[in-house]
Amino acid sequence: MITTANTAYPLASYLGDDPYREEYLPESDGKPMAETDTHRRYMFDVLDALDEHYFDDPWTYVTGNIFLYYPDETGKLQAVSPDIFVVHGVEKKDRRIYNMKVENKAPEVVIELTSTSTKMEDLGNKRFLYASLGVKEYFLFDPFGEAVRPLLRGFRLEAGEYMPIVGTRLHSQVLGLELRLEEGKLRLYNPQTREYLLTREETHIARRAAEAAKNAAEAARKAAEIKAAQETAARQAAEAELVHLREELAKHREPKG
């Protein structure tokens, strides 16, 4: 939901060439970060997938549900809190807010998880706002299928206006990924690797599977070493027994008297 920063906290004032002072900007409006458990789970799944995708890129910032501050037409700072947004070309670091006056760059991709209570705002105010800020791509996903049809919608900025991205698999030119619906869930697909980006749960499962496979391989290696050692010991014992028997046989064959 679009919000004006809480007037109980003074907005930063612009002082000469200094940027807006972030320490004066509210970080929360006191509202829950997601409407339902389902919205929150899907939001985290997409955030985690993008975080992992850009893990080794120090100049791609992925975040969600923090205040994005922008100056309005009068220069006064206003705030909006996108569910998910991505910015290329800014440092990957922890932020308490994202201040466009400080960062000097708007988000490039915004993803909102919409609902019946936020539909009008997501398709109205936010759509207009993000276009005016220069957000290149804007995606909407309705987890319950109650607010928008189709459940997944996308828009790309062209000549200052959002034009619909057509298709059931929405290609993001900015991310180089496809947004897809799989069994009603929003998934991110990498057409280069032909694989889905993993959610946090899938990442944990994959890591546990890799660790289990590593442990199994190590156990098999140790078992093979033990077996090889046992076979070597058995062979050496048999060879020693054979030598002993030959010596005994030789003694019996020696002429007596």
C-alpha atoms as a PDB file:
ATOM      1  CA  MET A   1       0.000   0.000   0.000  1.00  0.00           C
ATOM      2  CA  ILE A   2       1.281   3.502  -0.827  1.00  0.00           C
ATOM      3  CA  THR A   3       1.858   5.562   2.278  1.00  0.00           C
ATOM      4  CA  THR A   4       3.070   8.996   3.162  1.00  0.00           C
ATOM      5  CA  ALA A   5       5.786   8.733   5.773  1.00  0.00           C
ATOM      6  CA  ASN A   6       4.351   9.013   9.263  1.00  0.00           C
ATOM      7  CA  THR A   7       4.090  12.697  10.124  1.00  0.00           C
ATOM      8  CA  ALA A   8       4.928  11.864  13.747  1.00  0.00           C
ATOM      9  CA  TYR A   9       8.465  11.442  12.460  1.00  0.00           C
ATOM     10  CA  PRO A  10       9.930  14.468  10.692  1.00  0.00           C
ATOM     11  CA  LEU A  11      10.864  13.887   7.077  1.00  0.00           C
ATOM     12  CA  ALA A  12      14.466  14.572   6.207  1.00  0.00           C
ATOM     13  CA  SER A  13      15.087  18.051   4.924  1.00  0.00           C
ATOM     14  CA  TYR A  14      17.260  18.705   1.929  1.00  0.00           C
ATOM     15  CA  LEU A  15      20.390  20.591   2.926  1.00  0.00           C
ATOM     16  CA  GLY A  16      22.483  21.905   0.065  1.00  0.00           C
ATOM     17  CA  ASP A  17      24.223  19.038  -1.708  1.00  0.00           C
ATOM     18  CA  ASP A  18      23.616  16.577   1.118  1.00  0.00           C
ATOM     19  CA  PRO A  19      21.191  13.732   0.417  1.00  0.00           C
ATOM     20  CA  TYR A  20      18.087  13.230   2.475  1.00  0.00           C
ATOM     21  CA  ARG A  21      19.110  12.017   5.884  1.00  0.00           C
ATOM     22  CA  GLU A  22      17.927   8.444   6.166  1.00  0.00           C
ATOM     23  CA  GLU A  23      18.013   8.399   9.953  1.00  0.00           C
ATOM     24  CA  TYR A  24      14.941  10.652  10.051  1.00  0.00           C
ATOM     25  CA  LEU A  25      12.846   8.457   7.792  1.00  0.00           C
ATOM     26  CA  PRO A  26      10.362   5.996   9.343  1.00  0.00           C
ATOM     27  CA  GLU A  27      11.051   2.343   8.611  1.00  0.00           C
ATOM     28  CA  SER A  28       7.566   0.982   9.278  1.00  0.00           C
ATOM     29  CA  ASP A  29       3.945   2.030   9.197  1.00  0.00           C
ATOM     30  CA  GLY A  30       3.055  -0.515  11.863  1.00  0.00           C
ATOM     31  CA  LYS A  31       1.103  -2.680   9.433  1.00  0.00           C
ATOM     32  CA  PRO A  32       1.720  -6.410   8.836  1.00  0.00           C
ATOM     33  CA  MET A  33       4.178  -7.130   6.038  1.00  0.00           C
ATOM     34  CA  ALA A  34       1.839  -9.608   4.320  1.00  0.00           C
ATOM     35  CA  GLU A  35      -1.907 -10.109   4.359  1.00  0.00           C
ATOM     36  CA  THR A  36      -1.896 -13.894   4.840  1.00  0.00           C
ATOM     37  CA  ASP A  37       0.470 -16.753   5.573  1.00  0.00           C
ATOM     38  CA  THR A  38       0.163 -17.746   1.918  1.00  0.00           C
ATOM     39  CA  HIS A  39       1.172 -14.283   0.693  1.00  0.00           C
ATOM     40  CA  ARG A  40       4.125 -14.234   3.091  1.00  0.00           C
ATOM     41  CA  ARG A  41       5.283 -17.731   2.115  1.00  0.00           C
ATOM     42  CA  TYR A  42       5.163 -16.959  -1.604  1.00  0.00           C
ATOM     43  CA  MET A  43       6.912 -13.643  -1.037  1.00  0.00           C
ATOM     44  CA  PHE A  44       9.749 -15.329   0.848  1.00  0.00           C
ATOM     45  CA  ASP A  45       9.997 -18.091  -1.759  1.00  0.00           C
ATOM     46  CA  VAL A  46      10.502 -15.574  -4.565  1.00  0.00           C
ATOM     47  CA  LEU A  47      12.862 -13.405  -2.496  1.00  0.00           C
ATOM     48  CA  ASP A  48      14.974 -16.412  -1.512  1.00  0.00           C
ATOM     49  CA  ALA A  49      15.119 -17.638  -5.101  1.00  0.00           C
ATOM     50  CA  LEU A  50      16.279 -14.218  -6.339  1.00  0.00           C
ATOM     51  CA  ASP A  51      18.751 -13.874  -3.463  1.00  0.00           C
ATOM     52  CA  GLU A  52      20.310 -17.212  -4.377  1.00  0.00           C
ATOM     53  CA  HIS A  53      20.291 -16.346  -8.091  1.00  0.00           C
ATOM     54  CA  TYR A  54      22.210 -13.108  -7.482  1.00  0.00           C
ATOM     55  CA  PHE A  55      24.260 -14.408  -4.546  1.00  0.00           C
ATOM     56  CA  ASP A  56      27.617 -13.829  -6.269  1.00  0.00           C
ATOM     57  CA  ASP A  57      26.672 -10.460  -7.794  1.00  0.00           C
ATOM     58  CA  PRO A  58      27.746  -7.650  -5.439  1.00  0.00           C
ATOM     59  CA  TRP A  59      25.953  -5.050  -7.560  1.00  0.00           C
ATOM     60  CA  THR A  60      22.425  -6.434  -7.622  1.00  0.00           C
ATOM     61  CA  TYR A  61      20.185  -5.561  -4.689  1.00  0.00           C
ATOM     62  CA  VAL A  62      17.189  -7.771  -3.961  1.00  0.00           C
ATOM     63  CA  THR A  63      14.757  -6.897  -1.189  1.00  0.00           C
ATOM     64  CA  GLY A  64      11.130  -6.722  -0.244  1.00  0.00           C
ATOM     65  CA  ASN A  65       8.631  -5.086   2.045  1.00  0.00           C
ATOM     66  CA  ILE A  66      10.850  -2.211   3.093  1.00  0.00           C
ATOM     67  CA  PHE A  67      10.005   1.436   2.574  1.00  0.00           C
ATOM     68  CA  LEU A  68      10.991   2.797  -0.822  1.00  0.00           C
ATOM     69  CA  TYR A  69      11.286   6.587  -0.502  1.00  0.00           C
ATOM     70  CA  TYR A  70      10.883   8.819  -3.540  1.00  0.00           C
ATOM     71  CA  PRO A  71      10.457  12.580  -3.968  1.00  0.00           C
ATOM     72  CA  ASP A  72       7.072  13.684  -5.291  1.00  0.00           C
ATOM     73  CA  GLU A  73       6.545  16.565  -7.704  1.00  0.00           C
ATOM     74  CA  THR A  74       7.049  19.063  -4.859  1.00  0.00           C
ATOM     75  CA  GLY A  75      10.249  17.384  -3.664  1.00  0.00           C
ATOM     76  CA  LYS A  76       8.597  16.004  -0.541  1.00  0.00           C
ATOM     77  CA  LEU A  77       9.500  12.432   0.284  1.00  0.00           C
ATOM     78  CA  GLN A  78       6.766   9.834  -0.004  1.00  0.00           C
ATOM     79  CA  ALA A  79       6.970   6.106   0.747  1.00  0.00           C
ATOM     80  CA  VAL A  80       5.719   2.918  -0.819  1.00  0.00           C
ATOM     81  CA  SER A  81       6.509  -0.628   0.280  1.00  0.00           C
ATOM     82  CA  PRO A  82       6.762  -3.064  -2.669  1.00  0.00           C
ATOM     83  CA  ASP A  83       6.523  -6.742  -1.809  1.00  0.00           C
ATOM     84  CA  ILE A  84       9.633  -7.519  -3.880  1.00  0.00           C
ATOM     85  CA  PHE A  85      11.965  -5.372  -5.938  1.00  0.00           C
ATOM     86  CA  VAL A  86      15.298  -5.738  -7.716  1.00  0.00           C
ATOM     87  CA  VAL A  87      17.862  -3.091  -8.633  1.00  0.00           C
ATOM     88  CA  HIS A  88      20.934  -3.684 -10.772  1.00  0.00           C
ATOM     89  CA  GLY A  89      23.925  -1.399 -10.370  1.00  0.00           C
ATOM     90  CA  VAL A  90      23.605  -0.605  -6.660  1.00  0.00           C
ATOM     91  CA  GLU A  91      25.644  -2.211  -3.919  1.00  0.00           C
ATOM     92  CA  LYS A  92      24.344  -5.377  -2.327  1.00  0.00           C
ATOM     93  CA  LYS A  93      24.196  -4.524   1.370  1.00  0.00           C
ATOM     94  CA  ASP A  94      21.708  -4.467   4.219  1.00  0.00           C
ATOM     95  CA  ARG A  95      19.468  -1.409   4.192  1.00  0.00           C
ATOM     96  CA  ARG A  96      16.764  -0.284   6.581  1.00  0.00           C
ATOM     97  CA  ILE A  97      15.040   1.693   3.817  1.00  0.00           C
ATOM     98  CA  TYR A  98      15.667   2.322   0.122  1.00  0.00           C
ATOM     99  CA  ASN A  99      15.964   6.042  -0.575  1.00  0.00           C
ATOM    100  CA  MET A 100      15.958   6.871  -4.287  1.00  0.00           C
ATOM    101  CA  LYS A 101      17.500  10.281  -3.529  1.00  0.00           C
ATOM    102  CA  VAL A 102      20.494   8.548  -1.965  1.00  0.00           C
ATOM    103  CA  GLU A 103      20.758   5.563  -4.313  1.00  0.00           C
ATOM    104  CA  ASN A 104      20.077   7.690  -7.400  1.00  0.00           C
ATOM    105  CA  LYS A 105      18.256   4.806  -9.035  1.00  0.00           C
ATOM    106  CA  ALA A 106      14.728   3.445  -9.100  1.00  0.00           C
ATOM    107  CA  PRO A 107      13.932  -0.247  -8.746  1.00  0.00           C
ATOM    108  CA  GLU A 108      14.020  -1.984 -12.117  1.00  0.00           C
ATOM    109  CA  VAL A 109      11.591  -4.798 -11.334  1.00  0.00           C
ATOM    110  CA  VAL A 110       8.733  -4.821  -8.834  1.00  0.00           C
ATOM    111  CA  ILE A 111       6.607  -7.863  -7.948  1.00  0.00           C
ATOM    112  CA  GLU A 112       3.425  -7.408  -5.924  1.00  0.00           C
ATOM    113  CA  LEU A 113       1.318 -10.185  -4.396  1.00  0.00           C
ATOM    114  CA  THR A 114      -2.162  -8.814  -4.790  1.00  0.00           C
ATOM    115  CA  SER A 115      -5.488  -9.568  -3.124  1.00  0.00           C
ATOM    116  CA  THR A 116      -9.073  -8.384  -3.221  1.00  0.00           C
ATOM    117  CA  SER A 117      -8.241  -5.636  -0.716  1.00  0.00           C
ATOM    118  CA  THR A 118      -5.185  -4.348  -2.634  1.00  0.00           C
ATOM    119  CA  LYS A 119      -6.308  -4.963  -6.229  1.00  0.00           C
ATOM    120  CA  MET A 120      -7.437  -1.404  -6.939  1.00  0.00           C
ATOM    121  CA  GLU A 121      -4.280   0.051  -5.470  1.00  0.00           C
ATOM    122  CA  ASP A 122      -1.980  -2.435  -7.223  1.00  0.00           C
ATOM    123  CA  LEU A 123      -3.592  -1.892 -10.625  1.00  0.00           C
ATOM    124  CA  GLY A 124      -4.246   1.805 -10.075  1.00  0.00           C
ATOM    125  CA  ASN A 125      -2.051   3.940  -7.831  1.00  0.00           C
ATOM    126  CA  LYS A 126       0.953   1.642  -7.750  1.00  0.00           C
ATOM    127  CA  ARG A 127       0.866   0.969 -11.458  1.00  0.00           C
ATOM    128  CA  PHE A 128       0.881   4.699 -12.169  1.00  0.00           C
ATOM    129  CA  LEU A 129       3.496   5.382  -9.492  1.00  0.00           C
ATOM    130  CA  TYR A 130       5.948   2.695 -10.584  1.00  0.00           C
ATOM    131  CA  ALA A 131       5.676   3.851 -14.198  1.00  0.00           C
ATOM    132  CA  SER A 132       6.341   7.452 -13.157  1.00  0.00           C
ATOM    133  CA  LEU A 133       9.396   6.348 -11.138  1.00  0.00           C
ATOM    134  CA  GLY A 134      10.792   4.482 -14.151  1.00  0.00           C
ATOM    135  CA  VAL A 135      10.365   0.917 -12.882  1.00  0.00           C
ATOM    136  CA  LYS A 136      11.035  -1.068 -16.063  1.00  0.00           C
ATOM    137  CA  GLU A 137       8.880  -4.096 -15.275  1.00  0.00           C
ATOM    138  CA  TYR A 138       5.935  -4.600 -12.949  1.00  0.00           C
ATOM    139  CA  PHE A 139       4.417  -8.005 -12.129  1.00  0.00           C
ATOM    140  CA  LEU A 140       1.273  -8.909 -10.194  1.00  0.00           C
ATOM    141  CA  PHE A 141       0.487 -12.317  -8.722  1.00  0.00           C
ATOM    142  CA  ASP A 142      -2.761 -13.297  -7.022  1.00  0.00           C
ATOM    143  CA  PRO A 143      -2.090 -16.399  -4.841  1.00  0.00           C
ATOM    144  CA  PHE A 144      -5.794 -17.079  -4.244  1.00  0.00           C
ATOM    145  CA  GLY A 145      -7.070 -16.252  -7.710  1.00  0.00           C
ATOM    146  CA  GLU A 146      -9.688 -13.918  -6.267  1.00  0.00           C
ATOM    147  CA  ALA A 147      -8.493 -10.504  -7.430  1.00  0.00           C
ATOM    148  CA  VAL A 148      -7.086 -10.596 -10.961  1.00  0.00           C
ATOM    149  CA  ARG A 149      -7.359 -12.709 -14.087  1.00  0.00           C
ATOM    150  CA  PRO A 150      -5.072 -14.171 -15.163  1.00  0.00           C
ATOM    151  CA  LEU A 151      -3.491 -14.847 -11.778  1.00  0.00           C
ATOM    152  CA  LEU A 152      -0.127 -13.659 -13.070  1.00  0.00           C
ATOM    153  CA  ARG A 153       0.107 -10.380 -14.951  1.00  0.00           C
ATOM    154  CA  GLY A 154       3.086  -8.400 -16.163  1.00  0.00           C
ATOM    155  CA  PHE A 155       3.773  -4.951 -17.574  1.00  0.00           C
ATOM    156  CA  ARG A 156       6.797  -3.468 -19.316  1.00  0.00           C
ATOM    157  CA  LEU A 157       7.558   0.250 -19.451  1.00  0.00           C
ATOM    158  CA  GLU A 158       7.392   1.656 -22.968  1.00  0.00           C
ATOM    159  CA  ALA A 159       7.521   5.393 -23.626  1.00  0.00           C
ATOM    160  CA  GLY A 160       6.616   6.097 -20.014  1.00  0.00           C
ATOM    161  CA  GLU A 161       3.583   3.804 -19.913  1.00  0.00           C
ATOM    162  CA  TYR A 162       3.086   0.188 -18.916  1.00  0.00           C
ATOM    163  CA  MET A 163       2.205  -2.198 -21.710  1.00  0.00           C
ATOM    164  CA  PRO A 164       1.019  -5.743 -20.925  1.00  0.00           C
ATOM    165  CA  ILE A 165       3.476  -8.609 -21.275  1.00  0.00           C
ATOM    166  CA  VAL A 166       1.558 -11.231 -23.220  1.00  0.00           C
ATOM    167  CA  GLY A 167       1.658 -14.968 -22.541  1.00  0.00           C
ATOM    168  CA  THR A 168       1.321 -17.516 -19.778  1.00  0.00           C
ATOM    169  CA  ARG A 169       5.085 -17.480 -19.237  1.00  0.00           C
ATOM    170  CA  LEU A 170       6.079 -13.889 -18.607  1.00  0.00           C
ATOM    171  CA  HIS A 171       9.641 -13.141 -19.682  1.00  0.00           C
ATOM    172  CA  SER A 172      11.520 -10.527 -17.676  1.00  0.00           C
ATOM    173  CA  GLN A 173      14.062  -8.800 -19.873  1.00  0.00           C
ATOM    174  CA  VAL A 174      15.648  -7.213 -16.801  1.00  0.00           C
ATOM    175  CA  LEU A 175      16.077 -10.449 -14.843  1.00  0.00           C
ATOM    176  CA  GLY A 176      16.643 -12.763 -17.794  1.00  0.00           C
ATOM    177  CA  LEU A 177      14.109 -15.081 -16.147  1.00  0.00           C
ATOM    178  CA  GLU A 178      10.587 -16.266 -16.782  1.00  0.00           C
ATOM    179  CA  LEU A 179       7.774 -15.911 -14.259  1.00  0.00           C
ATOM    180  CA  ARG A 180       5.588 -19.011 -14.474  1.00  0.00           C
ATOM    181  CA  LEU A 181       2.632 -20.531 -12.676  1.00  0.00           C
ATOM    182  CA  GLU A 182       3.208 -24.138 -11.630  1.00  0.00           C
ATOM    183  CA  GLU A 183       0.274 -25.759  -9.826  1.00  0.00           C
ATOM    184  CA  GLY A 184      -0.930 -22.311  -8.826  1.00  0.00           C
ATOM    185  CA  LYS A 185       2.452 -21.267  -7.431  1.00  0.00           C
ATOM    186  CA  LEU A 186       4.642 -18.468  -8.745  1.00  0.00           C
ATOM    187  CA  ARG A 187       7.978 -19.877  -9.905  1.00  0.00           C
ATOM    188  CA  LEU A 188      11.040 -18.311 -11.513  1.00  0.00           C
ATOM    189  CA  TYR A 189      12.542 -20.208 -14.440  1.00  0.00           C
ATOM    190  CA  ASN A 190      15.995 -19.737 -15.955  1.00  0.00           C
ATOM    191  CA  PRO A 191      15.752 -20.421 -19.714  1.00  0.00           C
ATOM    192  CA  GLN A 192      19.553 -20.629 -20.000  1.00  0.00           C
ATOM    193  CA  THR A 193      19.980 -23.445 -17.487  1.00  0.00           C
ATOM    194  CA  ARG A 194      16.459 -24.802 -18.170  1.00  0.00           C
ATOM    195  CA  GLU A 195      15.887 -25.044 -14.443  1.00  0.00           C
ATOM    196  CA  TYR A 196      13.610 -23.433 -11.902  1.00  0.00           C
ATOM    197  CA  LEU A 197      15.190 -21.229  -9.279  1.00  0.00           C
ATOM    198  CA  LEU A 198      14.913 -23.083  -5.998  1.00  0.00           C
ATOM    199  CA  THR A 199      12.817 -21.903  -3.087  1.00  0.00           C
ATOM    200  CA  ARG A 200      14.296 -21.876   0.421  1.00  0.00           C
ATOM    201  CA  GLU A 201      12.677 -25.241   1.214  1.00  0.00           C
ATOM    202  CA  GLU A 202      13.918 -26.759  -2.045  1.00  0.00           C
ATOM    203  CA  THR A 203      17.393 -25.375  -1.410  1.00  0.00           C
ATOM    204  CA  HIS A 204      17.439 -27.002   2.032  1.00  0.00           C
ATOM    205  CA  ILE A 205      16.216 -30.282   0.568  1.00  0.00           C
ATOM    206  CA  ALA A 206      18.831 -30.133  -2.191  1.00  0.00           C
ATOM    207  CA  ARG A 207      21.574 -29.395   0.342  1.00  0.00           C
ATOM    208  CA  ARG A 208      20.452 -32.242   2.580  1.00  0.00           C
ATOM    209  CA  ALA A 209      20.326 -34.561  -0.425  1.00  0.00           C
ATOM    210  CA  ALA A 210      23.813 -33.463  -1.488  1.00  0.00           C
ATOM    211  CA  GLU A 211      25.099 -33.961   2.054  1.00  0.00           C
ATOM    212  CA  ALA A 212      23.454 -37.396   2.232  1.00  0.00           C
ATOM    213  CA  ALA A 213      24.979 -38.343  -1.114  1.00  0.00           C
ATOM    214  CA  LYS A 214      28.378 -37.130   0.089  1.00  0.00           C
ATOM    215  CA  ASN A 215      28.067 -39.148   3.298  1.00  0.00           C
ATOM    216  CA  ALA A 216      26.955 -42.220   1.355  1.00  0.00           C
ATOM    217  CA  ALA A 217      29.891 -41.874  -1.005  1.00  0.00           C
ATOM    218  CA  GLU A 218      32.270 -41.489   1.943  1.00  0.00           C
ATOM    219  CA  ALA A 219      30.770 -44.548   3.666  1.00  0.00           C
ATOM    220  CA  ALA A 220      31.093 -46.554   0.440  1.00  0.00           C
ATOM    221  CA  ARG A 221      34.698 -45.441   0.081  1.00  0.00           C
ATOM    222  CA  LYS A 222      35.517 -46.473   3.650  1.00  0.00           C
ATOM    223  CA  ALA A 223      33.699 -49.786   3.190  1.00  0.00           C
ATOM    224  CA  ALA A 224      35.689 -50.392   0.012  1.00  0.00           C
ATOM    225  CA  GLU A 225      38.918 -49.578   1.852  1.00  0.00           C
ATOM    226  CA  ILE A 226      37.994 -51.967   4.686  1.00  0.00           C
ATOM    227  CA  LYS A 227      37.065 -54.681   2.216  1.00  0.00           C
ATOM    228  CA  ALA A 228      40.290 -54.153   0.291  1.00  0.00           C
ATOM    229  CA  ALA A 229      42.275 -54.296   3.535  1.00  0.00           C
ATOM    230  CA  GLN A 230      40.464 -57.459   4.586  1.00  0.00           C
ATOM    231  CA  GLU A 231      41.105 -59.076   1.198  1.00  0.00           C
ATOM    232  CA  THR A 232      44.782 -58.078   1.397  1.00  0.00           C
ATOM    233  CA  ALA A 233      45.071 -59.506   4.916  1.00  0.00           C
ATOM    234  CA  ALA A 234      43.324 -62.725   3.843  1.00  0.00           C
ATOM    235  CA  ARG A 235      45.588 -63.055   0.824  1.00  0.00           C
ATOM    236  CA  GLN A 236      48.693 -62.457   2.910  1.00  0.00           C
ATOM    237  CA  ALA A 237      47.507 -65.016   5.484  1.00  0.00           C
ATOM    238  CA  ALA A 238      46.863 -67.562   2.722  1.00  0.00           C
ATOM    239  CA  GLU A 239      50.264 -66.901   1.213  1.00  0.00           C
ATOM    240  CA  ALA A 240      51.897 -67.279   4.620  1.00  0.00           C
ATOM    241  CA  GLU A 241      49.998 -70.545   5.195  1.00  0.00           C
ATOM    242  CA  LEU A 242      51.091 -71.793   1.796  1.00  0.00           C
ATOM    243  CA  VAL A 243      54.708 -71.008   2.595  1.00  0.00           C
ATOM    244  CA  HIS A 244      54.374 -72.791   5.913  1.00  0.00           C
ATOM    245  CA  LEU A 245      52.839 -75.882   4.285  1.00  0.00           C
ATOM    246  CA  ARG A 246      55.562 -76.002   1.669  1.00  0.00           C
ATOM    247  CA  GLU A 247      58.209 -75.829   4.374  1.00  0.00           C
ATOM    248  CA  GLU A 248      56.516 -78.664   6.269  1.00  0.00           C
ATOM    249  CA  LEU A 249      56.259 -80.722   3.086  1.00  0.00           C
ATOM    250  CA  ALA A 250      59.912 -80.121   2.360  1.00  0.00           C
ATOM    251  CA  LYS A 251      60.844 -81.362   5.829  1.00  0.00           C
ATOM    252  CA  HIS A 252      58.901 -84.612   5.319  1.00  0.00           C
ATOM    253  CA  ARG A 253      60.640 -85.214   2.020  1.00  0.00           C
ATOM    254  CA  GLU A 254      64.126 -84.878   3.451  1.00  0.00           C
ATOM    255  CA  PRO A 255      65.930 -88.291   3.565  1.00  0.00           C
ATOM    256  CA  LYS A 256      66.237 -89.740   7.056  1.00  0.00           C
ATOM    257  CA  GLY A 257      69.369 -91.323   8.598  1.00  0.00           C
END
